[in-house]
N, C-alpha and C. Protein backbone atom coordinates (compact mmCIF):
# COMPACT_ATOMS: atom_id res chain seq x y z
N ARG A 1 -81.95 25.43 -65.39
CA ARG A 1 -80.81 26.37 -65.14
C ARG A 1 -80.95 27.42 -64.09
N GLY A 2 -82.25 27.73 -64.08
CA GLY A 2 -82.38 28.99 -62.96
C GLY A 2 -83.04 27.72 -61.67
N GLN A 3 -83.03 26.41 -61.66
CA GLN A 3 -82.96 25.51 -60.17
C GLN A 3 -81.79 25.57 -59.49
N ASP A 4 -80.81 25.08 -60.55
CA ASP A 4 -80.07 24.99 -59.90
C ASP A 4 -79.05 26.00 -59.69
N LYS A 5 -79.26 27.69 -60.12
CA LYS A 5 -79.05 28.54 -59.02
C LYS A 5 -79.86 28.46 -58.26
N GLN A 6 -81.52 28.53 -57.90
CA GLN A 6 -81.97 28.67 -57.10
C GLN A 6 -81.47 27.19 -55.71
N GLN A 7 -81.39 25.94 -55.91
CA GLN A 7 -80.71 25.07 -55.06
C GLN A 7 -79.52 26.15 -54.65
N GLY A 8 -78.37 26.41 -55.53
CA GLY A 8 -77.50 26.50 -55.25
C GLY A 8 -77.34 27.68 -53.88
N GLU A 9 -78.11 28.59 -53.93
CA GLU A 9 -78.65 29.94 -53.41
C GLU A 9 -78.94 28.90 -52.03
N LEU A 10 -79.86 28.65 -51.72
CA LEU A 10 -80.54 27.91 -51.09
C LEU A 10 -79.19 26.72 -50.37
N GLY A 11 -78.70 26.45 -50.76
CA GLY A 11 -77.83 25.17 -49.90
C GLY A 11 -76.23 26.00 -49.46
N ARG A 12 -76.26 27.20 -49.97
CA ARG A 12 -74.90 29.08 -49.42
C ARG A 12 -76.12 29.56 -47.97
N ALA A 13 -76.95 29.72 -48.52
CA ALA A 13 -78.03 30.23 -47.22
C ALA A 13 -78.25 29.25 -45.94
N PHE A 14 -78.00 28.08 -46.19
CA PHE A 14 -78.13 26.90 -45.28
C PHE A 14 -76.72 26.83 -44.27
N ALA A 15 -75.83 26.61 -45.92
CA ALA A 15 -74.64 26.13 -45.08
C ALA A 15 -74.18 27.82 -44.24
N LYS A 16 -74.63 28.65 -44.30
CA LYS A 16 -74.61 30.09 -43.64
C LYS A 16 -75.38 30.58 -42.24
N ILE A 17 -76.17 29.58 -42.63
CA ILE A 17 -76.85 29.61 -41.21
C ILE A 17 -76.51 28.65 -39.83
N SER A 18 -75.92 27.39 -40.76
CA SER A 18 -75.05 27.00 -39.57
C SER A 18 -74.07 26.81 -39.09
N SER A 19 -73.42 27.87 -40.01
CA SER A 19 -72.42 27.93 -39.56
C SER A 19 -72.39 29.04 -38.31
N LEU A 20 -73.39 29.78 -38.75
CA LEU A 20 -74.01 30.74 -37.41
C LEU A 20 -74.26 30.06 -36.09
N PHE A 21 -75.27 29.00 -36.01
CA PHE A 21 -75.49 28.41 -35.30
C PHE A 21 -74.34 27.83 -34.39
N LYS A 22 -73.17 27.28 -35.63
CA LYS A 22 -71.85 26.13 -34.87
C LYS A 22 -71.41 27.58 -33.82
N LYS A 23 -71.31 28.21 -34.46
CA LYS A 23 -70.31 29.72 -34.36
C LYS A 23 -70.97 30.57 -32.88
N ALA A 24 -72.27 30.22 -32.52
CA ALA A 24 -73.01 30.51 -31.57
C ALA A 24 -73.04 29.79 -30.14
N LYS A 25 -73.15 28.54 -30.28
CA LYS A 25 -73.29 27.72 -29.67
C LYS A 25 -71.54 27.42 -29.10
N GLU A 26 -70.46 27.58 -29.67
CA GLU A 26 -68.67 28.28 -29.35
C GLU A 26 -68.64 29.58 -28.47
N GLU A 27 -69.97 30.65 -28.53
CA GLU A 27 -69.94 31.47 -28.44
C GLU A 27 -70.85 31.83 -27.46
N ALA A 28 -71.60 30.56 -26.77
CA ALA A 28 -72.28 30.54 -25.56
C ALA A 28 -71.90 31.17 -24.49
N PRO A 29 -72.68 32.48 -23.31
CA PRO A 29 -71.61 32.91 -22.46
C PRO A 29 -71.93 31.94 -21.12
N THR A 30 -70.49 31.84 -20.66
CA THR A 30 -71.06 31.46 -19.51
C THR A 30 -70.72 31.86 -17.86
N THR A 31 -71.58 31.47 -17.24
CA THR A 31 -71.08 32.80 -16.12
C THR A 31 -69.80 31.93 -15.25
N PRO A 32 -69.20 32.44 -14.74
CA PRO A 32 -68.07 31.65 -14.18
C PRO A 32 -68.64 31.27 -12.55
N SER A 33 -69.69 32.05 -11.77
CA SER A 33 -69.62 31.29 -10.39
C SER A 33 -70.35 30.71 -11.16
N GLN A 34 -70.81 29.89 -12.19
CA GLN A 34 -71.68 28.26 -12.30
C GLN A 34 -71.18 27.36 -12.52
N PRO A 35 -71.44 25.94 -12.30
CA PRO A 35 -70.48 25.23 -13.38
C PRO A 35 -71.42 24.83 -15.03
N GLU A 36 -70.50 24.94 -15.30
CA GLU A 36 -71.49 24.22 -17.20
C GLU A 36 -71.86 23.72 -16.89
N SER A 37 -72.56 22.63 -16.49
CA SER A 37 -73.58 21.66 -16.68
C SER A 37 -74.85 22.15 -15.65
N THR A 38 -74.59 23.16 -15.28
CA THR A 38 -75.99 24.09 -14.59
C THR A 38 -76.62 24.80 -15.66
N ILE A 39 -76.43 25.04 -15.95
CA ILE A 39 -76.13 26.14 -17.13
C ILE A 39 -76.89 25.74 -17.93
N LEU A 40 -78.57 26.51 -18.17
CA LEU A 40 -79.46 25.99 -18.56
C LEU A 40 -79.87 25.61 -20.58
N PRO A 41 -79.86 24.57 -20.77
CA PRO A 41 -79.90 24.28 -21.69
C PRO A 41 -80.42 24.44 -22.95
N ILE A 42 -80.56 25.84 -23.61
CA ILE A 42 -80.94 25.91 -23.83
C ILE A 42 -80.76 27.06 -25.37
N ASN A 43 -81.70 26.80 -26.63
CA ASN A 43 -81.25 27.44 -27.91
C ASN A 43 -80.18 28.63 -27.78
N PRO A 44 -78.87 28.99 -28.86
CA PRO A 44 -78.43 30.27 -28.27
C PRO A 44 -79.02 31.59 -28.56
N ARG A 45 -78.62 32.40 -27.99
CA ARG A 45 -80.27 33.58 -28.36
C ARG A 45 -79.22 33.45 -30.14
N PRO A 46 -80.22 34.76 -30.67
CA PRO A 46 -79.86 35.58 -31.74
C PRO A 46 -78.72 36.38 -31.77
N LEU A 47 -77.87 36.05 -32.81
CA LEU A 47 -76.74 37.23 -32.57
C LEU A 47 -77.33 38.66 -32.12
N ASP A 48 -78.09 38.90 -33.15
CA ASP A 48 -78.34 40.32 -33.03
C ASP A 48 -78.50 40.76 -31.61
N ALA A 49 -78.92 39.98 -29.91
CA ALA A 49 -79.81 39.93 -29.38
C ALA A 49 -78.52 39.69 -28.26
N PRO A 50 -78.86 40.71 -27.11
CA PRO A 50 -77.27 41.22 -26.05
C PRO A 50 -77.44 40.25 -24.99
N PRO A 51 -76.17 39.68 -24.44
CA PRO A 51 -76.16 38.80 -24.04
C PRO A 51 -77.22 38.97 -22.29
N LYS A 52 -77.50 37.74 -21.73
CA LYS A 52 -78.73 37.50 -20.93
C LYS A 52 -77.97 38.29 -19.06
N SER A 53 -78.91 39.05 -18.80
CA SER A 53 -78.30 39.64 -17.71
C SER A 53 -78.27 38.92 -17.04
N GLU A 54 -77.69 39.53 -15.14
CA GLU A 54 -77.25 38.18 -14.51
C GLU A 54 -78.81 37.49 -13.76
N LYS A 55 -79.53 38.70 -13.82
CA LYS A 55 -80.88 38.88 -13.15
C LYS A 55 -81.63 37.57 -13.87
N GLU A 56 -82.28 37.98 -15.12
CA GLU A 56 -82.62 36.86 -15.98
C GLU A 56 -81.88 35.47 -15.67
N HIS A 57 -80.64 35.47 -15.53
CA HIS A 57 -79.63 34.22 -15.79
C HIS A 57 -80.74 33.66 -14.79
N THR A 58 -79.94 34.63 -13.29
CA THR A 58 -80.05 33.55 -12.02
C THR A 58 -82.17 33.15 -12.02
N ARG A 59 -83.09 33.81 -12.77
CA ARG A 59 -84.54 33.85 -12.80
C ARG A 59 -84.61 32.50 -13.72
N HIS A 60 -83.36 31.89 -14.87
CA HIS A 60 -84.05 30.93 -15.40
C HIS A 60 -82.67 29.51 -14.45
N VAL A 61 -82.21 30.01 -13.88
CA VAL A 61 -81.62 28.87 -12.97
C VAL A 61 -82.75 28.43 -11.88
N GLU A 62 -83.56 29.32 -11.67
CA GLU A 62 -84.65 28.89 -10.62
C GLU A 62 -85.42 28.61 -11.30
N LEU A 63 -85.88 28.63 -12.11
CA LEU A 63 -86.99 28.25 -13.79
C LEU A 63 -86.72 26.68 -13.50
N LYS A 64 -85.33 26.92 -14.13
CA LYS A 64 -84.85 25.16 -14.18
C LYS A 64 -85.31 24.49 -12.95
N LYS A 65 -84.32 24.93 -12.12
CA LYS A 65 -84.96 24.14 -10.70
C LYS A 65 -85.81 23.80 -9.91
N GLU A 66 -87.04 24.66 -10.23
CA GLU A 66 -88.31 24.49 -9.91
C GLU A 66 -88.79 23.36 -10.87
N LEU A 67 -88.63 23.39 -11.62
CA LEU A 67 -89.40 22.62 -12.98
C LEU A 67 -88.31 20.80 -12.19
N GLU A 68 -87.15 20.98 -12.38
CA GLU A 68 -86.53 19.91 -11.59
C GLU A 68 -87.55 18.98 -10.24
N ARG A 69 -87.54 19.78 -9.38
CA ARG A 69 -88.28 19.54 -8.39
C ARG A 69 -89.51 19.47 -8.65
N GLN A 70 -90.38 19.66 -9.60
CA GLN A 70 -91.82 19.01 -10.08
C GLN A 70 -91.67 17.65 -10.35
N PHE A 71 -90.48 17.75 -11.44
CA PHE A 71 -90.35 16.56 -12.05
C PHE A 71 -89.90 15.05 -10.98
N GLN A 72 -89.24 15.28 -10.15
CA GLN A 72 -89.08 14.43 -9.23
C GLN A 72 -90.14 13.73 -8.31
N ARG A 73 -90.98 15.37 -8.15
CA ARG A 73 -92.02 14.97 -7.27
C ARG A 73 -92.63 14.24 -8.45
N LYS A 74 -93.52 14.58 -9.06
CA LYS A 74 -93.80 13.46 -9.99
C LYS A 74 -92.98 12.64 -9.84
N GLU A 75 -92.18 11.97 -10.16
CA GLU A 75 -91.25 10.71 -10.63
C GLU A 75 -91.84 9.67 -9.64
N GLU A 76 -91.38 10.87 -7.90
CA GLU A 76 -91.45 9.98 -6.71
C GLU A 76 -93.52 9.36 -6.20
N ARG A 77 -94.07 10.16 -7.30
CA ARG A 77 -96.13 9.58 -6.74
C ARG A 77 -96.26 9.13 -8.37
N LEU A 78 -95.48 8.81 -9.27
CA LEU A 78 -95.61 7.64 -9.85
C LEU A 78 -95.13 6.00 -9.92
N ALA A 79 -93.70 6.23 -8.77
CA ALA A 79 -93.53 5.31 -8.61
C ALA A 79 -94.17 4.13 -7.42
N LYS A 80 -94.49 5.46 -6.32
CA LYS A 80 -95.85 5.32 -4.94
C LYS A 80 -97.12 4.55 -5.87
N GLU A 81 -97.67 5.11 -6.68
CA GLU A 81 -98.65 4.73 -7.11
C GLU A 81 -98.22 2.96 -8.04
N ARG A 82 -96.99 3.06 -8.77
CA ARG A 82 -96.79 1.97 -8.91
C ARG A 82 -96.67 0.59 -8.11
N GLU A 83 -96.14 1.48 -6.82
CA GLU A 83 -95.80 0.10 -6.05
C GLU A 83 -97.34 -0.61 -4.51
N GLU A 84 -98.02 0.74 -5.22
CA GLU A 84 -99.45 -0.03 -4.85
C GLU A 84 -100.09 -0.59 -5.59
N ARG A 85 -99.82 -0.42 -7.10
CA ARG A 85 -100.77 -1.39 -7.96
C ARG A 85 -100.14 -2.77 -7.83
N MET A 86 -98.65 -2.94 -7.06
CA MET A 86 -98.00 -3.68 -7.27
C MET A 86 -98.69 -4.84 -5.79
N ARG A 87 -98.41 -4.47 -4.94
CA ARG A 87 -98.86 -4.82 -3.58
C ARG A 87 -100.48 -4.76 -3.22
N LYS A 88 -101.22 -3.67 -4.24
CA LYS A 88 -102.68 -4.90 -4.81
C LYS A 88 -102.82 -5.81 -5.59
N ARG A 89 -101.89 -6.19 -6.00
CA ARG A 89 -101.94 -7.66 -7.40
C ARG A 89 -101.57 -8.63 -6.92
N GLU A 90 -100.33 -8.05 -5.99
CA GLU A 90 -99.68 -9.55 -5.01
C GLU A 90 -101.00 -9.66 -4.36
N ILE A 91 -101.54 -8.97 -3.38
CA ILE A 91 -102.73 -9.05 -2.59
C ILE A 91 -104.08 -10.43 -3.32
N PHE A 92 -104.10 -9.65 -4.41
CA PHE A 92 -105.34 -10.09 -5.25
C PHE A 92 -104.85 -11.76 -5.52
N MET A 93 -103.66 -11.80 -6.10
CA MET A 93 -102.78 -12.44 -6.44
C MET A 93 -102.79 -13.78 -4.99
N LEU A 94 -102.72 -13.68 -3.83
CA LEU A 94 -102.97 -14.34 -2.48
C LEU A 94 -104.48 -15.44 -2.56
N HIS A 95 -105.29 -14.42 -2.60
CA HIS A 95 -106.49 -14.54 -2.79
C HIS A 95 -106.82 -15.49 -4.08
N ALA A 96 -106.19 -15.65 -4.89
CA ALA A 96 -107.08 -15.85 -6.16
C ALA A 96 -106.27 -17.30 -5.98
N ALA A 97 -105.21 -17.32 -5.19
CA ALA A 97 -104.72 -18.72 -4.91
C ALA A 97 -105.80 -19.99 -4.11
N GLU A 98 -105.80 -18.98 -2.65
CA GLU A 98 -106.41 -19.79 -1.83
C GLU A 98 -107.70 -20.10 -2.42
N ILE A 99 -108.87 -19.25 -3.69
CA ILE A 99 -109.68 -19.92 -4.11
C ILE A 99 -109.32 -20.91 -4.78
N TRP A 100 -108.21 -21.42 -5.30
CA TRP A 100 -108.14 -21.86 -6.63
C TRP A 100 -107.98 -23.06 -6.00
N LYS A 101 -107.08 -22.71 -5.07
CA LYS A 101 -106.61 -23.89 -3.93
C LYS A 101 -107.71 -24.42 -3.46
N THR A 102 -108.26 -23.79 -2.83
CA THR A 102 -110.03 -24.80 -1.76
C THR A 102 -111.15 -24.81 -2.75
N GLU A 103 -111.42 -24.04 -3.33
CA GLU A 103 -112.57 -24.27 -4.45
C GLU A 103 -112.46 -24.67 -6.29
N VAL A 104 -111.83 -24.38 -6.72
CA VAL A 104 -111.80 -24.88 -8.31
C VAL A 104 -111.11 -26.07 -8.12
N ILE A 105 -109.68 -26.52 -7.50
CA ILE A 105 -108.90 -27.45 -8.11
C ILE A 105 -109.25 -28.55 -7.40
N PRO A 106 -110.16 -28.85 -5.87
CA PRO A 106 -110.43 -30.23 -5.79
C PRO A 106 -111.78 -30.53 -5.72
N ASN A 107 -112.58 -29.56 -6.73
CA ASN A 107 -113.89 -29.80 -7.80
C ASN A 107 -113.75 -29.50 -8.95
N TRP A 108 -112.68 -29.94 -9.79
CA TRP A 108 -113.01 -29.68 -11.12
C TRP A 108 -113.22 -30.83 -11.79
N ASP A 109 -113.59 -30.94 -13.41
CA ASP A 109 -114.01 -31.48 -13.88
C ASP A 109 -113.84 -30.61 -15.48
N PRO A 110 -114.25 -31.87 -16.33
CA PRO A 110 -113.43 -30.71 -17.37
C PRO A 110 -114.75 -29.43 -17.77
N GLN A 111 -116.01 -29.42 -17.53
CA GLN A 111 -117.09 -28.86 -18.19
C GLN A 111 -116.74 -27.86 -16.82
N LEU A 112 -115.87 -27.98 -15.17
CA LEU A 112 -115.86 -26.53 -14.58
C LEU A 112 -114.86 -25.36 -15.39
N LYS A 113 -113.78 -25.98 -16.47
CA LYS A 113 -113.33 -24.56 -17.01
C LYS A 113 -113.83 -23.83 -17.97
N ARG A 114 -115.17 -24.04 -18.10
CA ARG A 114 -115.79 -23.37 -18.85
C ARG A 114 -117.19 -22.45 -18.00
N SER A 115 -117.07 -23.07 -17.05
CA SER A 115 -118.18 -22.12 -16.25
C SER A 115 -116.86 -20.48 -16.29
N ARG A 116 -118.34 -19.25 -15.46
CA ARG A 116 -118.38 -17.86 -16.03
C ARG A 116 -117.55 -17.89 -14.56
N LYS A 117 -117.44 -18.21 -13.45
CA LYS A 117 -116.22 -18.06 -12.38
C LYS A 117 -115.17 -18.01 -12.80
N VAL A 118 -114.97 -19.80 -13.11
CA VAL A 118 -113.29 -19.79 -13.56
C VAL A 118 -112.68 -18.90 -14.66
N ARG A 119 -113.71 -18.93 -15.83
CA ARG A 119 -112.95 -18.62 -16.91
C ARG A 119 -112.33 -16.50 -16.44
N ARG A 120 -113.56 -16.32 -15.53
CA ARG A 120 -113.72 -14.86 -14.74
C ARG A 120 -111.72 -14.90 -14.17
N LEU A 121 -111.90 -15.82 -13.23
CA LEU A 121 -110.34 -16.43 -12.51
C LEU A 121 -109.61 -16.57 -13.45
N TRP A 122 -109.81 -17.01 -14.71
CA TRP A 122 -108.66 -17.72 -15.38
C TRP A 122 -107.50 -16.11 -16.24
N LYS A 123 -108.68 -15.26 -16.56
CA LYS A 123 -108.93 -13.78 -16.95
C LYS A 123 -107.87 -12.99 -16.14
N GLN A 124 -108.09 -13.47 -15.16
CA GLN A 124 -107.49 -11.71 -14.20
C GLN A 124 -106.09 -12.38 -13.93
N GLY A 125 -105.55 -14.03 -14.05
CA GLY A 125 -104.42 -14.10 -14.31
C GLY A 125 -104.87 -15.56 -13.07
N LEU A 126 -103.37 -16.75 -14.05
CA LEU A 126 -102.90 -17.27 -12.84
C LEU A 126 -102.08 -17.63 -12.06
N PRO A 127 -102.31 -17.39 -10.72
CA PRO A 127 -101.16 -17.41 -9.70
C PRO A 127 -99.52 -18.14 -10.10
N PRO A 128 -98.86 -17.98 -9.43
CA PRO A 128 -97.89 -18.97 -9.83
C PRO A 128 -97.44 -20.61 -9.19
N SER A 129 -98.63 -20.03 -7.84
CA SER A 129 -98.63 -21.12 -6.61
C SER A 129 -99.16 -22.69 -7.42
N VAL A 130 -100.59 -22.23 -8.35
CA VAL A 130 -100.99 -23.32 -8.88
C VAL A 130 -100.65 -23.41 -10.73
N ARG A 131 -99.97 -22.43 -10.77
CA ARG A 131 -100.65 -22.77 -12.61
C ARG A 131 -100.45 -24.11 -13.02
N GLY A 132 -99.32 -24.71 -12.70
CA GLY A 132 -98.39 -25.76 -13.20
C GLY A 132 -99.86 -26.60 -12.87
N ARG A 133 -100.35 -26.90 -11.72
CA ARG A 133 -101.71 -27.74 -11.72
C ARG A 133 -102.71 -27.35 -12.15
N VAL A 134 -103.22 -26.77 -12.24
CA VAL A 134 -104.04 -25.83 -13.08
C VAL A 134 -104.38 -26.07 -14.72
N TRP A 135 -102.78 -25.67 -15.08
CA TRP A 135 -102.69 -26.62 -16.75
C TRP A 135 -102.95 -27.47 -16.78
N MET A 136 -102.00 -28.00 -16.47
CA MET A 136 -102.79 -29.52 -16.11
C MET A 136 -103.35 -30.52 -15.97
N LEU A 137 -104.29 -29.21 -15.25
CA LEU A 137 -106.28 -30.44 -15.30
C LEU A 137 -107.07 -29.83 -16.86
N ALA A 138 -106.68 -28.38 -17.23
CA ALA A 138 -107.35 -28.05 -18.26
C ALA A 138 -106.82 -28.83 -19.02
N VAL A 139 -105.30 -28.99 -19.80
CA VAL A 139 -104.55 -29.86 -20.93
C VAL A 139 -105.49 -31.31 -20.64
N GLY A 140 -105.00 -31.82 -20.22
CA GLY A 140 -105.04 -32.78 -19.70
C GLY A 140 -103.92 -34.07 -19.85
N ASN A 141 -103.80 -35.23 -19.80
CA ASN A 141 -102.51 -35.75 -20.27
C ASN A 141 -103.24 -37.34 -20.42
N GLU A 142 -103.96 -36.81 -22.31
CA GLU A 142 -104.97 -38.35 -22.89
C GLU A 142 -104.11 -39.52 -22.60
N LEU A 143 -102.65 -39.07 -23.39
CA LEU A 143 -100.89 -40.00 -23.81
C LEU A 143 -100.30 -40.99 -22.24
N GLN A 144 -101.37 -39.99 -21.02
CA GLN A 144 -100.65 -40.87 -20.04
C GLN A 144 -98.70 -40.62 -19.86
N ILE A 145 -98.33 -39.60 -19.83
CA ILE A 145 -97.29 -39.20 -19.95
C ILE A 145 -97.35 -39.16 -19.22
N THR A 146 -95.73 -39.97 -17.69
CA THR A 146 -95.32 -39.90 -16.49
C THR A 146 -94.20 -38.50 -17.08
N HIS A 147 -93.58 -38.12 -16.13
CA HIS A 147 -92.71 -37.10 -15.48
C HIS A 147 -91.42 -38.40 -16.36
N ASP A 148 -91.44 -39.75 -15.77
CA ASP A 148 -90.12 -39.92 -16.82
C ASP A 148 -90.11 -40.45 -17.76
N LEU A 149 -91.30 -40.82 -18.19
CA LEU A 149 -91.39 -41.05 -19.52
C LEU A 149 -90.94 -39.47 -20.21
N TYR A 150 -91.47 -37.89 -19.74
CA TYR A 150 -90.81 -37.55 -20.89
C TYR A 150 -89.16 -36.78 -21.03
N ILE A 151 -88.66 -36.80 -19.30
CA ILE A 151 -87.39 -37.32 -19.90
C ILE A 151 -86.42 -37.88 -20.50
N ILE A 152 -87.30 -39.50 -20.36
CA ILE A 152 -86.22 -40.13 -21.12
C ILE A 152 -85.73 -39.76 -22.44
N MET A 153 -87.80 -39.22 -23.43
CA MET A 153 -87.66 -38.88 -23.94
C MET A 153 -87.24 -37.64 -24.74
N ARG A 154 -87.07 -36.40 -23.90
CA ARG A 154 -86.22 -35.47 -24.22
C ARG A 154 -85.39 -35.87 -24.52
N ASP A 155 -84.17 -36.42 -23.86
CA ASP A 155 -82.75 -37.23 -23.73
C ASP A 155 -82.76 -37.59 -24.82
N LYS A 156 -83.38 -38.12 -25.27
CA LYS A 156 -82.98 -38.84 -26.50
C LYS A 156 -83.70 -38.11 -27.58
N ALA A 157 -84.23 -36.91 -27.43
CA ALA A 157 -84.32 -35.59 -28.96
C ALA A 157 -83.18 -34.65 -28.50
N ARG A 158 -82.22 -34.79 -28.11
CA ARG A 158 -81.32 -33.76 -27.53
C ARG A 158 -80.26 -34.78 -28.36
N GLU A 159 -79.76 -35.99 -27.86
CA GLU A 159 -79.24 -37.24 -28.58
C GLU A 159 -79.32 -37.25 -30.38
N ASN A 160 -80.63 -37.29 -30.79
CA ASN A 160 -80.94 -37.16 -31.77
C ASN A 160 -80.31 -35.47 -32.46
N ARG A 161 -79.90 -34.73 -31.86
CA ARG A 161 -80.06 -33.45 -32.64
C ARG A 161 -78.77 -33.65 -32.34
N GLU A 162 -78.04 -34.31 -31.11
CA GLU A 162 -76.24 -33.65 -31.47
C GLU A 162 -75.77 -34.61 -32.63
N THR A 163 -76.46 -35.74 -32.67
CA THR A 163 -75.32 -36.59 -33.42
C THR A 163 -76.54 -36.26 -34.99
N GLY A 164 -77.17 -35.95 -35.43
CA GLY A 164 -78.11 -35.30 -36.49
C GLY A 164 -78.66 -36.33 -36.89
N ALA A 165 -79.03 -37.21 -35.67
CA ALA A 165 -79.59 -39.01 -36.21
C ALA A 165 -81.07 -37.99 -36.34
N MET A 166 -81.88 -38.30 -37.59
CA MET A 166 -83.63 -37.04 -37.52
C MET A 166 -84.06 -38.19 -37.94
N PRO A 167 -85.63 -38.61 -37.51
CA PRO A 167 -86.34 -39.79 -38.21
C PRO A 167 -86.34 -39.04 -40.08
N SER A 168 -86.81 -40.68 -40.41
CA SER A 168 -87.33 -40.83 -41.91
C SER A 168 -88.14 -39.52 -42.04
N PRO A 169 -87.73 -39.55 -43.84
CA PRO A 169 -89.75 -37.83 -43.91
C PRO A 169 -90.86 -38.40 -44.14
N THR A 170 -90.89 -40.10 -44.00
CA THR A 170 -92.06 -40.34 -43.78
C THR A 170 -92.54 -40.54 -42.52
N GLY A 171 -92.02 -40.46 -41.36
CA GLY A 171 -91.91 -40.54 -39.94
C GLY A 171 -91.97 -42.27 -39.80
N PRO A 172 -91.59 -42.50 -38.52
CA PRO A 172 -91.56 -44.23 -37.82
C PRO A 172 -92.97 -44.45 -38.03
N SER A 173 -92.97 -45.97 -38.31
CA SER A 173 -94.35 -46.14 -37.82
C SER A 173 -94.62 -46.61 -36.85
N ARG A 174 -96.32 -46.92 -36.79
CA ARG A 174 -96.79 -47.35 -35.09
C ARG A 174 -95.95 -48.12 -34.04
N GLU A 175 -95.71 -49.20 -35.08
CA GLU A 175 -94.21 -49.98 -33.92
C GLU A 175 -93.38 -49.84 -33.85
N ALA A 176 -92.45 -48.71 -34.54
CA ALA A 176 -90.88 -48.28 -34.14
C ALA A 176 -91.28 -47.27 -33.21
N SER A 177 -92.46 -46.55 -32.99
CA SER A 177 -92.77 -45.67 -31.93
C SER A 177 -92.64 -46.21 -30.99
N ALA A 178 -93.62 -47.42 -30.62
CA ALA A 178 -94.01 -48.67 -29.80
C ALA A 178 -92.33 -48.88 -28.65
N SER A 179 -91.60 -49.44 -30.29
CA SER A 179 -90.28 -50.21 -29.51
C SER A 179 -89.59 -48.29 -28.69
N ILE A 180 -89.44 -47.20 -29.44
CA ILE A 180 -88.59 -46.20 -28.61
C ILE A 180 -89.22 -45.97 -27.30
N ILE A 181 -90.71 -45.91 -27.06
CA ILE A 181 -91.25 -45.80 -25.47
C ILE A 181 -91.04 -46.99 -25.29
N MET A 182 -90.62 -47.62 -25.29
CA MET A 182 -91.02 -48.90 -24.48
C MET A 182 -89.37 -49.15 -23.97
């Protein structure tokens, strides 16, 4: 019973505080010479505090403008730094592409991908211009799948998916697979 009374008092106190903040927000003074959008978004002043003087309001507006200018300068500086990093990355990728094209790809053998230089180049990123060729060399093509065979098998898979024809759960035999491929 004592807890219920205490919770009731807390609830009433919270409701009173909420209504005071709501009232203060609604009655927040605005300066007629300033459009409402430029007034500082600050918490309402305590109800027993006098309204801001014009001098104080002007000072706060100037502080806000200075903060906005600082923020704008910081954003511009960060954008320049981002652009510089991107430019350096592009230059690096051009040089890396040349190394891949002139030194690595022409001399490729399966052991080369384990060399320190190739691993370092790979970790730094494969340039888009050599990515497909390098992956093909690195992964290999033991099944000798040609581009045409890939297209045929892709189309058959799409057709089976659309018609709902799925292979048996045990899977096709080797002979059945061979007849599909040929």
